[in-house]
């Protein structure tokens, strides 16, 4: 299952992110520590070739700093296992 929307860190639950769905609903999701994070613009991680690949910990750190990336979050058994930044048009 995939969720698409703006991401934010959960202020009260470490290891969780919130996906603000286009329909307006906010969906809290547990983030797997082994989740694959792919970043297109370098807002989350900026090492390596595009898309930049980084860790769930780097994603949480970037979300706590502010920037709200728009992304596709892939869930497996209700846990986020892949986060791919999308470019909104």
N, C-alpha and C. Protein backbone atom coordinates (compact mmCIF):
# COMPACT_ATOMS: atom_id res chain seq x y z
N UNK A 1 0.84 -1.17 0.00
CA UNK A 1 0.00 0.00 0.00
C UNK A 1 0.89 1.25 0.00
N UNK A 2 0.49 2.25 -0.75
CA UNK A 2 1.24 3.49 -0.82
C UNK A 2 0.40 4.66 -0.32
N UNK A 3 1.04 5.58 0.38
CA UNK A 3 0.43 6.84 0.79
C UNK A 3 1.21 7.95 0.10
N UNK A 4 0.52 8.96 -0.40
CA UNK A 4 1.19 10.09 -1.05
C UNK A 4 0.74 11.38 -0.38
N UNK A 5 1.72 12.19 0.03
CA UNK A 5 1.40 13.46 0.66
C UNK A 5 2.63 14.12 1.27
N UNK A 6 2.38 15.19 2.00
CA UNK A 6 3.46 15.94 2.66
C UNK A 6 3.82 15.23 3.96
N UNK A 7 5.12 15.15 4.24
CA UNK A 7 5.61 14.46 5.43
C UNK A 7 5.94 15.43 6.55
N UNK A 8 5.74 14.96 7.77
CA UNK A 8 6.22 15.71 8.93
C UNK A 8 6.59 14.70 10.01
N UNK A 9 7.45 15.14 10.92
CA UNK A 9 7.86 14.29 12.03
C UNK A 9 6.76 14.29 13.08
N UNK A 10 6.63 13.19 13.78
CA UNK A 10 5.68 13.14 14.89
C UNK A 10 6.36 13.75 16.10
N UNK A 11 5.81 14.86 16.64
CA UNK A 11 6.47 15.52 17.77
C UNK A 11 6.45 14.69 19.05
N UNK A 12 5.52 13.77 19.17
CA UNK A 12 5.38 13.02 20.42
C UNK A 12 5.82 11.57 20.32
N UNK A 13 6.01 11.06 19.10
CA UNK A 13 6.36 9.66 18.94
C UNK A 13 7.60 9.49 18.06
N UNK A 14 8.77 9.35 18.65
CA UNK A 14 9.97 9.08 17.85
C UNK A 14 9.78 7.80 17.05
N UNK A 15 10.28 7.79 15.81
CA UNK A 15 10.13 6.61 14.97
C UNK A 15 8.84 6.61 14.17
N UNK A 16 8.07 7.70 14.26
CA UNK A 16 6.83 7.84 13.51
C UNK A 16 6.88 9.10 12.67
N UNK A 17 6.23 9.04 11.50
CA UNK A 17 6.07 10.21 10.67
C UNK A 17 4.58 10.38 10.39
N UNK A 18 4.20 11.57 9.96
CA UNK A 18 2.82 11.82 9.58
C UNK A 18 2.79 12.15 8.10
N UNK A 19 1.87 11.52 7.38
CA UNK A 19 1.68 11.79 5.96
C UNK A 19 0.37 12.57 5.83
N UNK A 20 0.47 13.82 5.37
CA UNK A 20 -0.71 14.67 5.14
C UNK A 20 -1.20 14.34 3.74
N UNK A 21 -2.23 13.52 3.66
CA UNK A 21 -2.74 13.05 2.37
C UNK A 21 -3.39 14.18 1.59
N UNK A 22 -3.39 14.05 0.27
CA UNK A 22 -3.98 15.06 -0.59
C UNK A 22 -5.46 15.27 -0.28
N UNK A 23 -6.12 14.22 0.20
CA UNK A 23 -7.55 14.31 0.54
C UNK A 23 -7.78 15.11 1.82
N UNK A 24 -6.69 15.46 2.52
CA UNK A 24 -6.82 16.27 3.72
C UNK A 24 -6.60 15.51 5.02
N UNK A 25 -6.64 14.19 4.97
CA UNK A 25 -6.45 13.39 6.18
C UNK A 25 -4.97 13.30 6.53
N UNK A 26 -4.68 13.26 7.83
CA UNK A 26 -3.31 13.04 8.30
C UNK A 26 -3.20 11.60 8.77
N UNK A 27 -2.20 10.90 8.25
CA UNK A 27 -2.03 9.48 8.56
C UNK A 27 -0.71 9.27 9.28
N UNK A 28 -0.74 8.95 10.60
CA UNK A 28 0.51 8.64 11.29
C UNK A 28 0.99 7.24 10.88
N UNK A 29 2.30 7.11 10.68
CA UNK A 29 2.87 5.86 10.20
C UNK A 29 4.16 5.58 10.95
N UNK A 30 4.33 4.33 11.41
CA UNK A 30 5.59 3.92 12.01
C UNK A 30 6.63 3.81 10.90
N UNK A 31 7.82 4.32 11.16
CA UNK A 31 8.91 4.32 10.18
C UNK A 31 9.89 3.21 10.55
N UNK A 32 10.05 2.24 9.66
CA UNK A 32 11.01 1.16 9.91
C UNK A 32 12.41 1.74 10.00
N UNK A 33 13.22 1.32 10.99
CA UNK A 33 14.60 1.80 11.08
C UNK A 33 15.42 1.44 9.84
N UNK A 34 14.99 0.41 9.10
CA UNK A 34 15.69 -0.02 7.89
C UNK A 34 15.05 0.54 6.62
N UNK A 35 14.11 1.48 6.76
CA UNK A 35 13.42 2.04 5.59
C UNK A 35 14.41 2.65 4.60
N UNK A 36 14.11 2.47 3.32
CA UNK A 36 14.91 3.08 2.25
C UNK A 36 14.32 4.47 2.00
N UNK A 37 15.16 5.48 2.05
CA UNK A 37 14.73 6.86 1.82
C UNK A 37 15.44 7.38 0.58
N UNK A 38 14.65 7.82 -0.41
CA UNK A 38 15.21 8.35 -1.66
C UNK A 38 14.84 9.82 -1.77
N UNK A 39 15.84 10.65 -1.93
CA UNK A 39 15.69 12.10 -1.91
C UNK A 39 16.13 12.68 -3.25
N UNK A 40 15.27 13.43 -3.92
CA UNK A 40 15.58 13.98 -5.24
C UNK A 40 16.31 15.32 -5.19
N UNK A 41 15.98 16.16 -4.20
CA UNK A 41 16.49 17.53 -4.20
C UNK A 41 17.60 17.79 -3.19
N UNK A 42 17.96 16.83 -2.39
CA UNK A 42 19.02 17.03 -1.41
C UNK A 42 18.56 17.69 -0.12
N UNK A 43 17.28 17.71 0.13
CA UNK A 43 16.77 18.32 1.36
C UNK A 43 16.92 17.38 2.56
N UNK A 44 16.95 16.08 2.30
CA UNK A 44 17.06 15.10 3.38
C UNK A 44 18.49 14.60 3.47
N UNK A 45 19.03 14.20 2.34
CA UNK A 45 20.41 13.73 2.27
C UNK A 45 20.99 14.19 0.93
N UNK A 46 22.28 14.40 0.89
CA UNK A 46 22.85 14.96 -0.34
C UNK A 46 24.12 14.24 -0.79
N UNK A 47 24.30 13.03 -0.34
CA UNK A 47 25.48 12.26 -0.72
C UNK A 47 25.12 11.29 -1.84
N UNK A 48 26.03 11.11 -2.78
CA UNK A 48 25.84 10.13 -3.84
C UNK A 48 25.05 10.69 -5.01
N UNK A 49 24.73 9.80 -5.92
CA UNK A 49 24.00 10.18 -7.14
C UNK A 49 22.52 10.39 -6.83
N UNK A 50 21.86 11.12 -7.70
CA UNK A 50 20.42 11.35 -7.56
C UNK A 50 19.71 10.12 -8.10
N UNK A 51 18.70 9.55 -7.43
CA UNK A 51 18.20 10.04 -6.15
C UNK A 51 19.15 9.66 -5.02
N UNK A 52 19.32 10.61 -4.10
CA UNK A 52 20.17 10.37 -2.94
C UNK A 52 19.49 9.33 -2.06
N UNK A 53 20.28 8.44 -1.51
CA UNK A 53 19.74 7.40 -0.64
C UNK A 53 20.24 7.64 0.77
N UNK A 54 19.31 7.64 1.71
CA UNK A 54 19.73 7.84 3.10
C UNK A 54 18.89 6.99 4.04
N UNK A 55 19.08 7.20 5.31
CA UNK A 55 18.46 6.35 6.32
C UNK A 55 17.19 6.98 6.91
N UNK A 56 16.44 6.15 7.60
CA UNK A 56 15.24 6.62 8.29
C UNK A 56 15.62 7.66 9.35
N UNK A 57 16.76 7.47 10.01
CA UNK A 57 17.21 8.43 11.02
C UNK A 57 17.50 9.79 10.39
N UNK A 58 18.11 9.81 9.19
CA UNK A 58 18.37 11.07 8.50
C UNK A 58 17.06 11.75 8.10
N UNK A 59 16.07 10.95 7.70
CA UNK A 59 14.76 11.51 7.35
C UNK A 59 14.12 12.17 8.56
N UNK A 60 14.12 11.48 9.69
CA UNK A 60 13.53 12.04 10.91
C UNK A 60 14.22 13.34 11.31
N UNK A 61 15.54 13.35 11.24
CA UNK A 61 16.31 14.54 11.59
C UNK A 61 15.94 15.71 10.68
N UNK A 62 15.85 15.45 9.36
CA UNK A 62 15.50 16.51 8.40
C UNK A 62 14.08 17.02 8.65
N UNK A 63 13.15 16.11 8.97
CA UNK A 63 11.77 16.53 9.22
C UNK A 63 11.66 17.39 10.47
N UNK A 64 12.46 17.09 11.48
CA UNK A 64 12.43 17.88 12.71
C UNK A 64 12.98 19.28 12.49
N UNK A 65 13.86 19.44 11.50
CA UNK A 65 14.42 20.77 11.19
C UNK A 65 13.41 21.66 10.49
N UNK A 66 12.41 21.05 9.86
CA UNK A 66 11.43 21.88 9.19
C UNK A 66 10.98 21.38 7.85
N UNK A 67 11.76 21.48 6.81
CA UNK A 67 11.29 21.16 5.46
C UNK A 67 10.24 20.07 5.40
N UNK A 68 9.23 20.27 4.60
CA UNK A 68 8.15 19.30 4.48
C UNK A 68 8.17 18.71 3.07
N UNK A 69 8.87 17.59 2.90
CA UNK A 69 8.91 17.01 1.57
C UNK A 69 7.58 16.33 1.21
N UNK A 70 7.30 16.31 -0.07
CA UNK A 70 6.13 15.61 -0.62
C UNK A 70 6.65 14.26 -1.08
N UNK A 71 6.01 13.18 -0.66
CA UNK A 71 6.60 11.87 -0.93
C UNK A 71 5.57 10.77 -1.07
N UNK A 72 6.04 9.67 -1.64
CA UNK A 72 5.27 8.43 -1.68
C UNK A 72 5.85 7.54 -0.60
N UNK A 73 5.01 7.09 0.31
CA UNK A 73 5.44 6.23 1.41
C UNK A 73 4.86 4.84 1.17
N UNK A 74 5.73 3.86 1.05
CA UNK A 74 5.31 2.48 0.82
C UNK A 74 5.23 1.76 2.16
N UNK A 75 4.06 1.18 2.42
CA UNK A 75 3.84 0.47 3.68
C UNK A 75 3.87 -1.04 3.46
N UNK A 76 4.42 -1.74 4.43
CA UNK A 76 4.38 -3.20 4.45
C UNK A 76 3.95 -3.58 5.85
N UNK A 77 2.82 -4.25 5.96
CA UNK A 77 2.24 -4.61 7.27
C UNK A 77 2.04 -3.36 8.13
N UNK A 78 1.69 -2.24 7.50
CA UNK A 78 1.39 -1.01 8.23
C UNK A 78 2.59 -0.19 8.62
N UNK A 79 3.79 -0.62 8.24
CA UNK A 79 5.03 0.08 8.60
C UNK A 79 5.66 0.65 7.33
N UNK A 80 6.14 1.90 7.40
CA UNK A 80 6.79 2.53 6.25
C UNK A 80 8.15 1.87 6.01
N UNK A 81 8.31 1.28 4.82
CA UNK A 81 9.57 0.60 4.47
C UNK A 81 10.32 1.33 3.36
N UNK A 82 9.63 2.27 2.70
CA UNK A 82 10.28 3.03 1.61
C UNK A 82 9.62 4.42 1.54
N UNK A 83 10.46 5.44 1.45
CA UNK A 83 9.98 6.82 1.31
C UNK A 83 10.68 7.42 0.10
N UNK A 84 9.90 7.79 -0.90
CA UNK A 84 10.45 8.38 -2.12
C UNK A 84 9.93 9.80 -2.29
N UNK A 85 10.84 10.76 -2.26
CA UNK A 85 10.44 12.15 -2.46
C UNK A 85 9.89 12.30 -3.88
N UNK A 86 8.78 13.03 -4.00
CA UNK A 86 8.18 13.32 -5.29
C UNK A 86 8.28 14.82 -5.54
N UNK A 87 8.36 15.21 -6.81
CA UNK A 87 8.37 16.62 -7.15
C UNK A 87 6.95 16.99 -7.57
N UNK A 88 6.36 17.93 -6.82
CA UNK A 88 5.01 18.37 -7.13
C UNK A 88 5.04 19.31 -8.33
N UNK A 89 4.05 19.16 -9.18
CA UNK A 89 3.98 20.05 -10.34
C UNK A 89 2.94 21.12 -10.12
